[in-house]
PDB file of N, CA and C in Angstrom:
ATOM      1  N   MET A   1       0.902  -1.027  -0.040  1.00  0.00           N
ATOM      2  CA  MET A   1       0.269  -0.308  -0.131  1.00  0.00           C
ATOM      3  C   MET A   1       0.904   1.407  -0.021  1.00  0.00           C
ATOM      4  N   ASP A   2       1.906   1.350   0.599  1.00  0.00           N
ATOM      5  CA  ASP A   2       2.826   2.628   0.511  1.00  0.00           C
ATOM      6  C   ASP A   2       3.387   2.755  -0.760  1.00  0.00           C
ATOM      7  N   GLN A   3       3.778   1.901  -1.537  1.00  0.00           N
ATOM      8  CA  GLN A   3       3.609   2.113  -3.067  1.00  0.00           C
ATOM      9  C   GLN A   3       2.747   2.311  -3.718  1.00  0.00           C
ATOM     10  N   LEU A   4       1.870   2.282  -3.671  1.00  0.00           N
ATOM     11  CA  LEU A   4       0.505   2.332  -4.056  1.00  0.00           C
ATOM     12  C   LEU A   4       0.031   3.586  -3.731  1.00  0.00           C
ATOM     13  N   ASP A   5       0.604   4.308  -2.649  1.00  0.00           N
ATOM     14  CA  ASP A   5       0.025   5.544  -2.014  1.00  0.00           C
ATOM     15  C   ASP A   5       0.744   6.826  -2.947  1.00  0.00           C
ATOM     16  N   GLU A   6       1.671   6.301  -3.535  1.00  0.00           N
ATOM     17  CA  GLU A   6       2.443   7.161  -4.534  1.00  0.00           C
ATOM     18  C   GLU A   6       1.809   7.584  -5.699  1.00  0.00           C
ATOM     19  N   VAL A   7       1.159   6.385  -6.030  1.00  0.00           N
ATOM     20  CA  VAL A   7       0.262   6.646  -7.359  1.00  0.00           C
ATOM     21  C   VAL A   7      -0.785   7.990  -7.076  1.00  0.00           C
ATOM     22  N   GLU A   8      -0.842   9.157  -7.618  1.00  0.00           N
ATOM     23  CA  GLU A   8      -2.067  10.184  -7.520  1.00  0.00           C
ATOM     24  C   GLU A   8      -2.755  10.261  -8.914  1.00  0.00           C
ATOM     25  N   ASP A   9      -3.917  10.589  -8.643  1.00  0.00           N
ATOM     26  CA  ASP A   9      -5.056  10.901  -9.591  1.00  0.00           C
ATOM     27  C   ASP A   9      -4.550  11.835 -10.581  1.00  0.00           C
ATOM     28  N   PRO A  10      -3.899  11.934 -11.830  1.00  0.00           N
ATOM     29  CA  PRO A  10      -3.338  13.291 -12.431  1.00  0.00           C
ATOM     30  C   PRO A  10      -4.629  14.635 -12.256  1.00  0.00           C
ATOM     31  N   GLU A  11      -6.039  14.107 -12.279  1.00  0.00           N
ATOM     32  CA  GLU A  11      -6.846  15.373 -12.656  1.00  0.00           C
ATOM     33  C   GLU A  11      -6.981  16.021 -10.700  1.00  0.00           C
ATOM     34  N   LEU A  12      -6.702  15.415  -9.694  1.00  0.00           N
ATOM     35  CA  LEU A  12      -7.031  15.451  -8.805  1.00  0.00           C
ATOM     36  C   LEU A  12      -5.630  15.926  -7.945  1.00  0.00           C
ATOM     37  N   ASP A  13      -4.705  15.169  -8.317  1.00  0.00           N
ATOM     38  CA  ASP A  13      -3.445  15.222  -7.411  1.00  0.00           C
ATOM     39  C   ASP A  13      -3.788  14.900  -6.066  1.00  0.00           C
ATOM     40  N   ILE A  14      -4.127  13.763  -6.191  1.00  0.00           N
ATOM     41  CA  ILE A  14      -4.439  13.099  -4.720  1.00  0.00           C
ATOM     42  C   ILE A  14      -4.227  11.768  -4.791  1.00  0.00           C
ATOM     43  N   SER A  15      -3.742  11.030  -4.058  1.00  0.00           N
ATOM     44  CA  SER A  15      -3.654   9.531  -3.745  1.00  0.00           C
ATOM     45  C   SER A  15      -4.338   8.560  -4.351  1.00  0.00           C
ATOM     46  N   ILE A  16      -4.286   7.639  -4.991  1.00  0.00           N
ATOM     47  CA  ILE A  16      -5.060   6.534  -5.403  1.00  0.00           C
ATOM     48  C   ILE A  16      -5.741   5.906  -3.844  1.00  0.00           C
ATOM     49  N   VAL A  17      -4.858   5.814  -2.886  1.00  0.00           N
ATOM     50  CA  VAL A  17      -5.028   5.311  -1.824  1.00  0.00           C
ATOM     51  C   VAL A  17      -5.914   5.958  -0.941  1.00  0.00           C
ATOM     52  N   GLU A  18      -5.749   7.224  -0.943  1.00  0.00           N
ATOM     53  CA  GLU A  18      -6.389   8.356  -0.262  1.00  0.00           C
ATOM     54  C   GLU A  18      -7.743   8.440  -1.062  1.00  0.00           C
ATOM     55  N   LEU A  19      -7.913   8.528  -2.282  1.00  0.00           N
ATOM     56  CA  LEU A  19      -9.108   8.606  -2.606  1.00  0.00           C
ATOM     57  C   LEU A  19      -9.708   7.074  -2.488  1.00  0.00           C
ATOM     58  N   GLY A  20      -9.455   6.308  -1.972  1.00  0.00           N
ATOM     59  CA  GLY A  20     -10.154   5.165  -1.802  1.00  0.00           C
ATOM     60  C   GLY A  20     -10.221   4.134  -2.871  1.00  0.00           C
ATOM     61  N   LEU A  21      -9.901   4.338  -4.053  1.00  0.00           N
ATOM     62  CA  LEU A  21      -9.887   3.691  -5.210  1.00  0.00           C
ATOM     63  C   LEU A  21      -9.289   2.276  -5.299  1.00  0.00           C
ATOM     64  N   VAL A  22      -8.263   1.829  -4.532  1.00  0.00           N
ATOM     65  CA  VAL A  22      -8.163   0.526  -4.094  1.00  0.00           C
ATOM     66  C   VAL A  22      -8.689  -0.183  -3.331  1.00  0.00           C
ATOM     67  N   TYR A  23      -9.506  -1.023  -3.923  1.00  0.00           N
ATOM     68  CA  TYR A  23     -10.242  -2.048  -2.731  1.00  0.00           C
ATOM     69  C   TYR A  23      -9.851  -2.979  -2.330  1.00  0.00           C
ATOM     70  N   ASP A  24      -8.646  -3.606  -3.093  1.00  0.00           N
ATOM     71  CA  ASP A  24      -8.157  -5.058  -1.992  1.00  0.00           C
ATOM     72  C   ASP A  24      -7.047  -5.067  -2.988  1.00  0.00           C
ATOM     73  N   VAL A  25      -6.036  -5.747  -2.286  1.00  0.00           N
ATOM     74  CA  VAL A  25      -4.686  -6.359  -2.504  1.00  0.00           C
ATOM     75  C   VAL A  25      -4.224  -7.672  -2.039  1.00  0.00           C
ATOM     76  N   ARG A  26      -4.339  -8.545  -2.801  1.00  0.00           N
ATOM     77  CA  ARG A  26      -4.197  -9.951  -2.310  1.00  0.00           C
ATOM     78  C   ARG A  26      -2.122 -10.233  -2.777  1.00  0.00           C
ATOM     79  N   ILE A  27      -1.292 -11.059  -2.067  1.00  0.00           N
ATOM     80  CA  ILE A  27      -0.166 -11.742  -2.211  1.00  0.00           C
ATOM     81  C   ILE A  27      -0.541 -12.814  -2.353  1.00  0.00           C
ATOM     82  N   GLU A  28       0.082 -13.509  -3.882  1.00  0.00           N
ATOM     83  CA  GLU A  28      -0.028 -15.035  -3.748  1.00  0.00           C
ATOM     84  C   GLU A  28       1.467 -15.326  -3.979  1.00  0.00           C
ATOM     85  N   ASP A  29       1.915 -16.776  -3.191  1.00  0.00           N
ATOM     86  CA  ASP A  29       3.195 -17.320  -3.262  1.00  0.00           C
ATOM     87  C   ASP A  29       2.697 -18.145  -4.816  1.00  0.00           C
ATOM     88  N   ARG A  30       3.631 -17.863  -5.559  1.00  0.00           N
ATOM     89  CA  ARG A  30       3.410 -18.932  -7.002  1.00  0.00           C
ATOM     90  C   ARG A  30       4.790 -19.769  -7.019  1.00  0.00           C
ATOM     91  N   ASP A  31       4.775 -20.568  -7.920  1.00  0.00           N
ATOM     92  CA  ASP A  31       5.905 -21.288  -8.627  1.00  0.00           C
ATOM     93  C   ASP A  31       7.232 -20.158  -8.869  1.00  0.00           C
ATOM     94  N   ASP A  32       6.674 -19.262  -9.567  1.00  0.00           N
ATOM     95  CA  ASP A  32       7.721 -18.308 -10.060  1.00  0.00           C
ATOM     96  C   ASP A  32       7.813 -16.991  -9.547  1.00  0.00           C
ATOM     97  N   GLY A  33       7.460 -17.256  -8.233  1.00  0.00           N
ATOM     98  CA  GLY A  33       7.390 -15.923  -6.949  1.00  0.00           C
ATOM     99  C   GLY A  33       6.422 -15.257  -6.655  1.00  0.00           C
ATOM    100  N   LYS A  34       6.475 -14.307  -5.944  1.00  0.00           N
ATOM    101  CA  LYS A  34       4.971 -13.352  -5.123  1.00  0.00           C
ATOM    102  C   LYS A  34       4.245 -12.653  -6.453  1.00  0.00           C
ATOM    103  N   HIS A  35       3.547 -12.852  -6.394  1.00  0.00           N
ATOM    104  CA  HIS A  35       2.145 -12.283  -7.326  1.00  0.00           C
ATOM    105  C   HIS A  35       1.205 -11.416  -6.845  1.00  0.00           C
ATOM    106  N   ALA A  36       1.133 -10.047  -7.040  1.00  0.00           N
ATOM    107  CA  ALA A  36       0.185  -9.396  -6.579  1.00  0.00           C
ATOM    108  C   ALA A  36      -0.948  -9.152  -7.313  1.00  0.00           C
ATOM    109  N   GLU A  37      -2.193  -9.101  -6.597  1.00  0.00           N
ATOM    110  CA  GLU A  37      -3.481  -9.010  -7.589  1.00  0.00           C
ATOM    111  C   GLU A  37      -4.338  -7.677  -6.915  1.00  0.00           C
ATOM    112  N   ILE A  38      -4.585  -6.846  -7.677  1.00  0.00           N
ATOM    113  CA  ILE A  38      -5.170  -5.572  -6.872  1.00  0.00           C
ATOM    114  C   ILE A  38      -6.474  -5.351  -7.666  1.00  0.00           C
ATOM    115  N   ASP A  39      -7.538  -4.969  -7.206  1.00  0.00           N
ATOM    116  CA  ASP A  39      -8.771  -4.763  -7.081  1.00  0.00           C
ATOM    117  C   ASP A  39      -8.578  -3.393  -6.876  1.00  0.00           C
ATOM    118  N   MET A  40      -9.074  -2.552  -8.255  1.00  0.00           N
ATOM    119  CA  MET A  40      -9.417  -0.986  -7.977  1.00  0.00           C
ATOM    120  C   MET A  40     -10.090  -0.684  -8.895  1.00  0.00           C
ATOM    121  N   THR A  41     -10.791   0.663  -8.593  1.00  0.00           N
ATOM    122  CA  THR A  41     -12.075   1.473  -9.471  1.00  0.00           C
ATOM    123  C   THR A  41     -11.109   2.833  -9.913  1.00  0.00           C
ATOM    124  N   LEU A  42     -11.875   3.807 -10.845  1.00  0.00           N
ATOM    125  CA  LEU A  42     -11.757   4.771 -10.990  1.00  0.00           C
ATOM    126  C   LEU A  42     -12.764   5.773 -10.513  1.00  0.00           C
ATOM    127  N   THR A  43     -12.645   7.015 -10.524  1.00  0.00           N
ATOM    128  CA  THR A  43     -13.510   7.826 -10.306  1.00  0.00           C
ATOM    129  C   THR A  43     -14.798   8.137 -11.123  1.00  0.00           C
ATOM    130  N   SER A  44     -14.688   7.443 -12.172  1.00  0.00           N
ATOM    131  CA  SER A  44     -15.976   7.559 -13.003  1.00  0.00           C
ATOM    132  C   SER A  44     -15.391   6.315 -14.159  1.00  0.00           C
ATOM    133  N   PRO A  45     -16.295   5.874 -14.789  1.00  0.00           N
ATOM    134  CA  PRO A  45     -16.061   5.166 -16.096  1.00  0.00           C
ATOM    135  C   PRO A  45     -15.466   5.622 -16.482  1.00  0.00           C
ATOM    136  N   GLY A  46     -15.872   7.034 -17.458  1.00  0.00           N
ATOM    137  CA  GLY A  46     -15.163   7.768 -18.419  1.00  0.00           C
ATOM    138  C   GLY A  46     -13.756   8.287 -18.176  1.00  0.00           C
ATOM    139  N   CYS A  47     -13.360   7.993 -16.893  1.00  0.00           N
ATOM    140  CA  CYS A  47     -11.736   8.693 -16.423  1.00  0.00           C
ATOM    141  C   CYS A  47     -11.407   9.055 -17.616  1.00  0.00           C
ATOM    142  N   PRO A  48     -10.375  10.102 -17.939  1.00  0.00           N
ATOM    143  CA  PRO A  48      -9.738  10.179 -18.934  1.00  0.00           C
ATOM    144  C   PRO A  48      -8.429  10.004 -18.790  1.00  0.00           C
ATOM    145  N   ALA A  49      -8.199   9.698 -17.836  1.00  0.00           N
ATOM    146  CA  ALA A  49      -6.702   9.358 -17.094  1.00  0.00           C
ATOM    147  C   ALA A  49      -6.449   7.792 -16.654  1.00  0.00           C
ATOM    148  N   ALA A  50      -7.451   7.156 -17.019  1.00  0.00           N
ATOM    149  CA  ALA A  50      -7.901   5.614 -16.270  1.00  0.00           C
ATOM    150  C   ALA A  50      -6.265   5.018 -17.464  1.00  0.00           C
ATOM    151  N   ALA A  51      -5.966   5.009 -18.512  1.00  0.00           N
ATOM    152  CA  ALA A  51      -4.785   4.378 -18.625  1.00  0.00           C
ATOM    153  C   ALA A  51      -3.291   4.817 -18.061  1.00  0.00           C
ATOM    154  N   GLU A  52      -3.392   6.051 -17.753  1.00  0.00           N
ATOM    155  CA  GLU A  52      -2.160   6.266 -17.065  1.00  0.00           C
ATOM    156  C   GLU A  52      -2.357   5.984 -15.412  1.00  0.00           C
ATOM    157  N   ILE A  53      -3.506   5.913 -14.979  1.00  0.00           N
ATOM    158  CA  ILE A  53      -3.418   5.618 -13.498  1.00  0.00           C
ATOM    159  C   ILE A  53      -2.987   4.024 -13.454  1.00  0.00           C
ATOM    160  N   MET A  54      -4.027   2.961 -14.318  1.00  0.00           N
ATOM    161  CA  MET A  54      -3.576   1.760 -14.314  1.00  0.00           C
ATOM    162  C   MET A  54      -2.478   1.151 -14.710  1.00  0.00           C
ATOM    163  N   ALA A  55      -1.566   2.086 -15.270  1.00  0.00           N
ATOM    164  CA  ALA A  55       0.063   1.446 -15.576  1.00  0.00           C
ATOM    165  C   ALA A  55       0.737   2.621 -14.298  1.00  0.00           C
ATOM    166  N   ALA A  56       0.344   3.355 -14.104  1.00  0.00           N
ATOM    167  CA  ALA A  56       1.001   3.688 -12.662  1.00  0.00           C
ATOM    168  C   ALA A  56       1.030   3.026 -11.346  1.00  0.00           C
ATOM    169  N   THR A  57      -0.196   2.214 -11.452  1.00  0.00           N
ATOM    170  CA  THR A  57      -0.412   1.435 -10.239  1.00  0.00           C
ATOM    171  C   THR A  57       0.212   0.194 -10.797  1.00  0.00           C
ATOM    172  N   HIS A  58       0.166  -0.338 -11.949  1.00  0.00           N
ATOM    173  CA  HIS A  58       1.065  -1.475 -12.464  1.00  0.00           C
ATOM    174  C   HIS A  58       2.493  -1.421 -11.910  1.00  0.00           C
ATOM    175  N   ARG A  59       3.163  -0.518 -12.483  1.00  0.00           N
ATOM    176  CA  ARG A  59       4.423  -0.124 -12.461  1.00  0.00           C
ATOM    177  C   ARG A  59       5.040  -0.014 -10.738  1.00  0.00           C
ATOM    178  N   ALA A  60       4.096   0.907  -9.838  1.00  0.00           N
ATOM    179  CA  ALA A  60       4.509   0.843  -8.576  1.00  0.00           C
ATOM    180  C   ALA A  60       4.269  -0.414  -7.399  1.00  0.00           C
ATOM    181  N   ALA A  61       3.242  -1.154  -8.009  1.00  0.00           N
ATOM    182  CA  ALA A  61       3.392  -2.712  -7.282  1.00  0.00           C
ATOM    183  C   ALA A  61       4.250  -3.195  -7.684  1.00  0.00           C
ATOM    184  N   LEU A  62       4.616  -3.558  -9.214  1.00  0.00           N
ATOM    185  CA  LEU A  62       5.830  -4.080  -9.446  1.00  0.00           C
ATOM    186  C   LEU A  62       7.149  -4.106  -9.061  1.00  0.00           C
ATOM    187  N   ASN A  63       7.373  -2.384  -8.919  1.00  0.00           N
ATOM    188  CA  ASN A  63       8.497  -1.790  -7.818  1.00  0.00           C
ATOM    189  C   ASN A  63       8.697  -2.234  -6.050  1.00  0.00           C
ATOM    190  N   THR A  64       7.512  -2.893  -6.021  1.00  0.00           N
ATOM    191  CA  THR A  64       7.540  -3.340  -4.610  1.00  0.00           C
ATOM    192  C   THR A  64       8.458  -4.461  -4.023  1.00  0.00           C
ATOM    193  N   THR A  65       9.436  -3.860  -3.423  1.00  0.00           N
ATOM    194  CA  THR A  65      10.577  -5.410  -2.734  1.00  0.00           C
ATOM    195  C   THR A  65       9.956  -6.663  -2.561  1.00  0.00           C
ATOM    196  N   GLY A  66      10.125  -7.428  -3.525  1.00  0.00           N
ATOM    197  CA  GLY A  66       9.656  -9.152  -3.378  1.00  0.00           C
ATOM    198  C   GLY A  66       8.273  -9.249  -4.293  1.00  0.00           C
ATOM    199  N   ILE A  67       7.830  -8.534  -4.844  1.00  0.00           N
ATOM    200  CA  ILE A  67       6.769  -8.808  -5.783  1.00  0.00           C
ATOM    201  C   ILE A  67       7.227  -8.793  -7.475  1.00  0.00           C
ATOM    202  N   ASP A  68       7.166  -9.899  -7.906  1.00  0.00           N
ATOM    203  CA  ASP A  68       7.811 -10.863  -8.990  1.00  0.00           C
ATOM    204  C   ASP A  68       6.636 -10.626 -10.470  1.00  0.00           C
ATOM    205  N   SER A  69       5.477 -10.074  -9.784  1.00  0.00           N
ATOM    206  CA  SER A  69       4.519  -9.944 -10.983  1.00  0.00           C
ATOM    207  C   SER A  69       2.935  -9.307 -10.546  1.00  0.00           C
ATOM    208  N   VAL A  70       2.377  -8.706 -11.333  1.00  0.00           N
ATOM    209  CA  VAL A  70       1.159  -7.767 -10.754  1.00  0.00           C
ATOM    210  C   VAL A  70       0.176  -8.097 -11.770  1.00  0.00           C
ATOM    211  N   HIS A  71      -1.187  -8.297 -11.417  1.00  0.00           N
ATOM    212  CA  HIS A  71      -2.065  -7.758 -12.215  1.00  0.00           C
ATOM    213  C   HIS A  71      -3.286  -6.858 -11.384  1.00  0.00           C
ATOM    214  N   VAL A  72      -3.607  -5.756 -12.111  1.00  0.00           N
ATOM    215  CA  VAL A  72      -4.443  -5.209 -11.827  1.00  0.00           C
ATOM    216  C   VAL A  72      -5.953  -5.355 -12.277  1.00  0.00           C
ATOM    217  N   ASN A  73      -7.034  -5.625 -11.559  1.00  0.00           N
ATOM    218  CA  ASN A  73      -8.344  -5.738 -11.949  1.00  0.00           C
ATOM    219  C   ASN A  73      -8.998  -4.318 -11.674  1.00  0.00           C
ATOM    220  N   LEU A  74      -9.540  -4.223 -12.998  1.00  0.00           N
ATOM    221  CA  LEU A  74     -10.377  -2.844 -12.857  1.00  0.00           C
ATOM    222  C   LEU A  74     -11.759  -3.228 -12.605  1.00  0.00           C
ATOM    223  N   VAL A  75     -12.347  -2.816 -11.485  1.00  0.00           N
ATOM    224  CA  VAL A  75     -13.727  -3.323 -11.194  1.00  0.00           C
ATOM    225  C   VAL A  75     -14.897  -1.895 -10.775  1.00  0.00           C
ATOM    226  N   TRP A  76     -16.102  -2.273 -10.564  1.00  0.00           N
ATOM    227  CA  TRP A  76     -17.076  -1.322 -10.830  1.00  0.00           C
ATOM    228  C   TRP A  76     -17.890  -1.490  -9.480  1.00  0.00           C
ATOM    229  N   SER A  77     -18.032  -2.452  -9.024  1.00  0.00           N
ATOM    230  CA  SER A  77     -18.500  -2.509  -7.756  1.00  0.00           C
ATOM    231  C   SER A  77     -17.786  -3.043  -6.506  1.00  0.00           C
ATOM    232  N   PRO A  78     -17.790  -2.419  -5.416  1.00  0.00           N
ATOM    233  CA  PRO A  78     -19.166  -1.312  -5.064  1.00  0.00           C
ATOM    234  C   PRO A  78     -18.732  -0.047  -6.114  1.00  0.00           C
ATOM    235  N   ARG A  79     -19.784   0.680  -6.381  1.00  0.00           N
ATOM    236  CA  ARG A  79     -19.307   2.152  -7.275  1.00  0.00           C
ATOM    237  C   ARG A  79     -18.710   2.956  -6.468  1.00  0.00           C
ATOM    238  N   TRP A  80     -17.650   4.043  -7.045  1.00  0.00           N
ATOM    239  CA  TRP A  80     -16.782   4.470  -6.389  1.00  0.00           C
ATOM    240  C   TRP A  80     -17.754   6.012  -5.484  1.00  0.00           C
ATOM    241  N   ASP A  81     -17.763   6.103  -4.282  1.00  0.00           N
ATOM    242  CA  ASP A  81     -18.266   7.208  -3.757  1.00  0.00           C
ATOM    243  C   ASP A  81     -17.461   8.185  -2.887  1.00  0.00           C
ATOM    244  N   PRO A  82     -16.935   9.183  -2.914  1.00  0.00           N
ATOM    245  CA  PRO A  82     -15.857   9.984  -2.068  1.00  0.00           C
ATOM    246  C   PRO A  82     -16.105   9.878  -0.462  1.00  0.00           C
ATOM    247  N   LYS A  83     -17.686  10.270  -0.532  1.00  0.00           N
ATOM    248  CA  LYS A  83     -17.963  10.013   0.881  1.00  0.00           C
ATOM    249  C   LYS A  83     -17.795   9.184   1.561  1.00  0.00           C
ATOM    250  N   ILE A  84     -17.934   7.962   0.808  1.00  0.00           N
ATOM    251  CA  ILE A  84     -17.494   6.530   1.846  1.00  0.00           C
ATOM    252  C   ILE A  84     -16.352   5.968   1.309  1.00  0.00           C
ATOM    253  N   HIS A  85     -15.609   6.123   0.406  1.00  0.00           N
ATOM    254  CA  HIS A  85     -14.212   5.378   0.376  1.00  0.00           C
ATOM    255  C   HIS A  85     -13.069   6.271   0.280  1.00  0.00           C
ATOM    256  N   ALA A  86     -13.156   7.762   0.149  1.00  0.00           N
ATOM    257  CA  ALA A  86     -12.208   8.604   0.271  1.00  0.00           C
ATOM    258  C   ALA A  86     -11.611   8.806   1.697  1.00  0.00           C
ATOM    259  N   SER A  87     -10.696   9.160   2.319  1.00  0.00           N
ATOM    260  CA  SER A  87     -10.178   9.476   3.421  1.00  0.00           C
ATOM    261  C   SER A  87     -10.335  10.837   3.569  1.00  0.00           C
ATOM    262  N   GLU A  88     -10.460  11.017   5.007  1.00  0.00           N
ATOM    263  CA  GLU A  88     -11.103  12.639   5.475  1.00  0.00           C
ATOM    264  C   GLU A  88     -10.028  13.722   4.847  1.00  0.00           C
ATOM    265  N   ASP A  89      -8.640  13.556   5.001  1.00  0.00           N
ATOM    266  CA  ASP A  89      -8.114  14.392   3.897  1.00  0.00           C
ATOM    267  C   ASP A  89      -8.357  14.716   2.568  1.00  0.00           C
ATOM    268  N   ALA A  90      -8.576  13.375   1.704  1.00  0.00           N
ATOM    269  CA  ALA A  90      -8.789  13.655   0.420  1.00  0.00           C
ATOM    270  C   ALA A  90     -10.434  14.202  -0.055  1.00  0.00           C
ATOM    271  N   ARG A  91     -11.110  14.061   1.127  1.00  0.00           N
ATOM    272  CA  ARG A  91     -12.270  14.546   0.862  1.00  0.00           C
ATOM    273  C   ARG A  91     -12.496  16.211   1.460  1.00  0.00           C
ATOM    274  N   MET A  92     -11.273  16.505   2.064  1.00  0.00           N
ATOM    275  CA  MET A  92     -11.422  17.798   2.351  1.00  0.00           C
ATOM    276  C   MET A  92     -10.352  18.557   1.147  1.00  0.00           C
ATOM    277  N   ASP A  93      -9.655  17.779   0.622  1.00  0.00           N
ATOM    278  CA  ASP A  93      -8.794  18.303  -0.721  1.00  0.00           C
ATOM    279  C   ASP A  93     -10.003  18.821  -1.737  1.00  0.00           C
ATOM    280  N   MET A  94     -11.006  17.614  -1.821  1.00  0.00           N
ATOM    281  CA  MET A  94     -11.823  17.772  -3.027  1.00  0.00           C
ATOM    282  C   MET A  94     -12.905  18.288  -2.654  1.00  0.00           C
ATOM    283  N   GLY A  95     -13.368  19.334  -0.796  1.00  0.00           N
ATOM    284  CA  GLY A  95     -14.208  20.289  -0.981  1.00  0.00           C
ATOM    285  C   GLY A  95     -15.463  19.590  -0.522  1.00  0.00           C
ATOM    286  N   ILE A  96     -15.432  18.151  -0.125  1.00  0.00           N
ATOM    287  CA  ILE A  96     -16.479  17.517   0.316  1.00  0.00           C
ATOM    288  C   ILE A  96     -16.274  17.431   2.193  1.00  0.00           C
ATOM    289  N   TRP A  97     -17.394  18.153   2.682  1.00  0.00           N
ATOM    290  CA  TRP A  97     -17.313  18.487   3.793  1.00  0.00           C
ATOM    291  C   TRP A  97     -18.502  17.667   4.731  1.00  0.00           C
ATOM    292  N   ASP A  98     -19.107  16.754   4.019  1.00  0.00           N
ATOM    293  CA  ASP A  98     -20.389  15.963   4.676  1.00  0.00           C
ATOM    294  C   ASP A  98     -19.757  14.521   4.659  1.00  0.00           C
TER     295      ASP A  98
END
């Protein structure tokens, strides 16, 4: 998660972890090394930075010590809601006070 926290949504300049876009990270031991499986979403299905965010997430996870392979799954359920998923700091940065 520390590595993924370095990945920002380029439109919001907020970490994907703080935004709550990373739903799950699983590490599996395989014959060819440790594999990371990441379930994440985007702020919207039409996100113009989708490819950039997904690639940066993949790179960040692969650059984690001990991780040999990565697969990033783009999921849409549950639907991302900043009031539920984003951290308090991220909500404040976005001007969401409730």
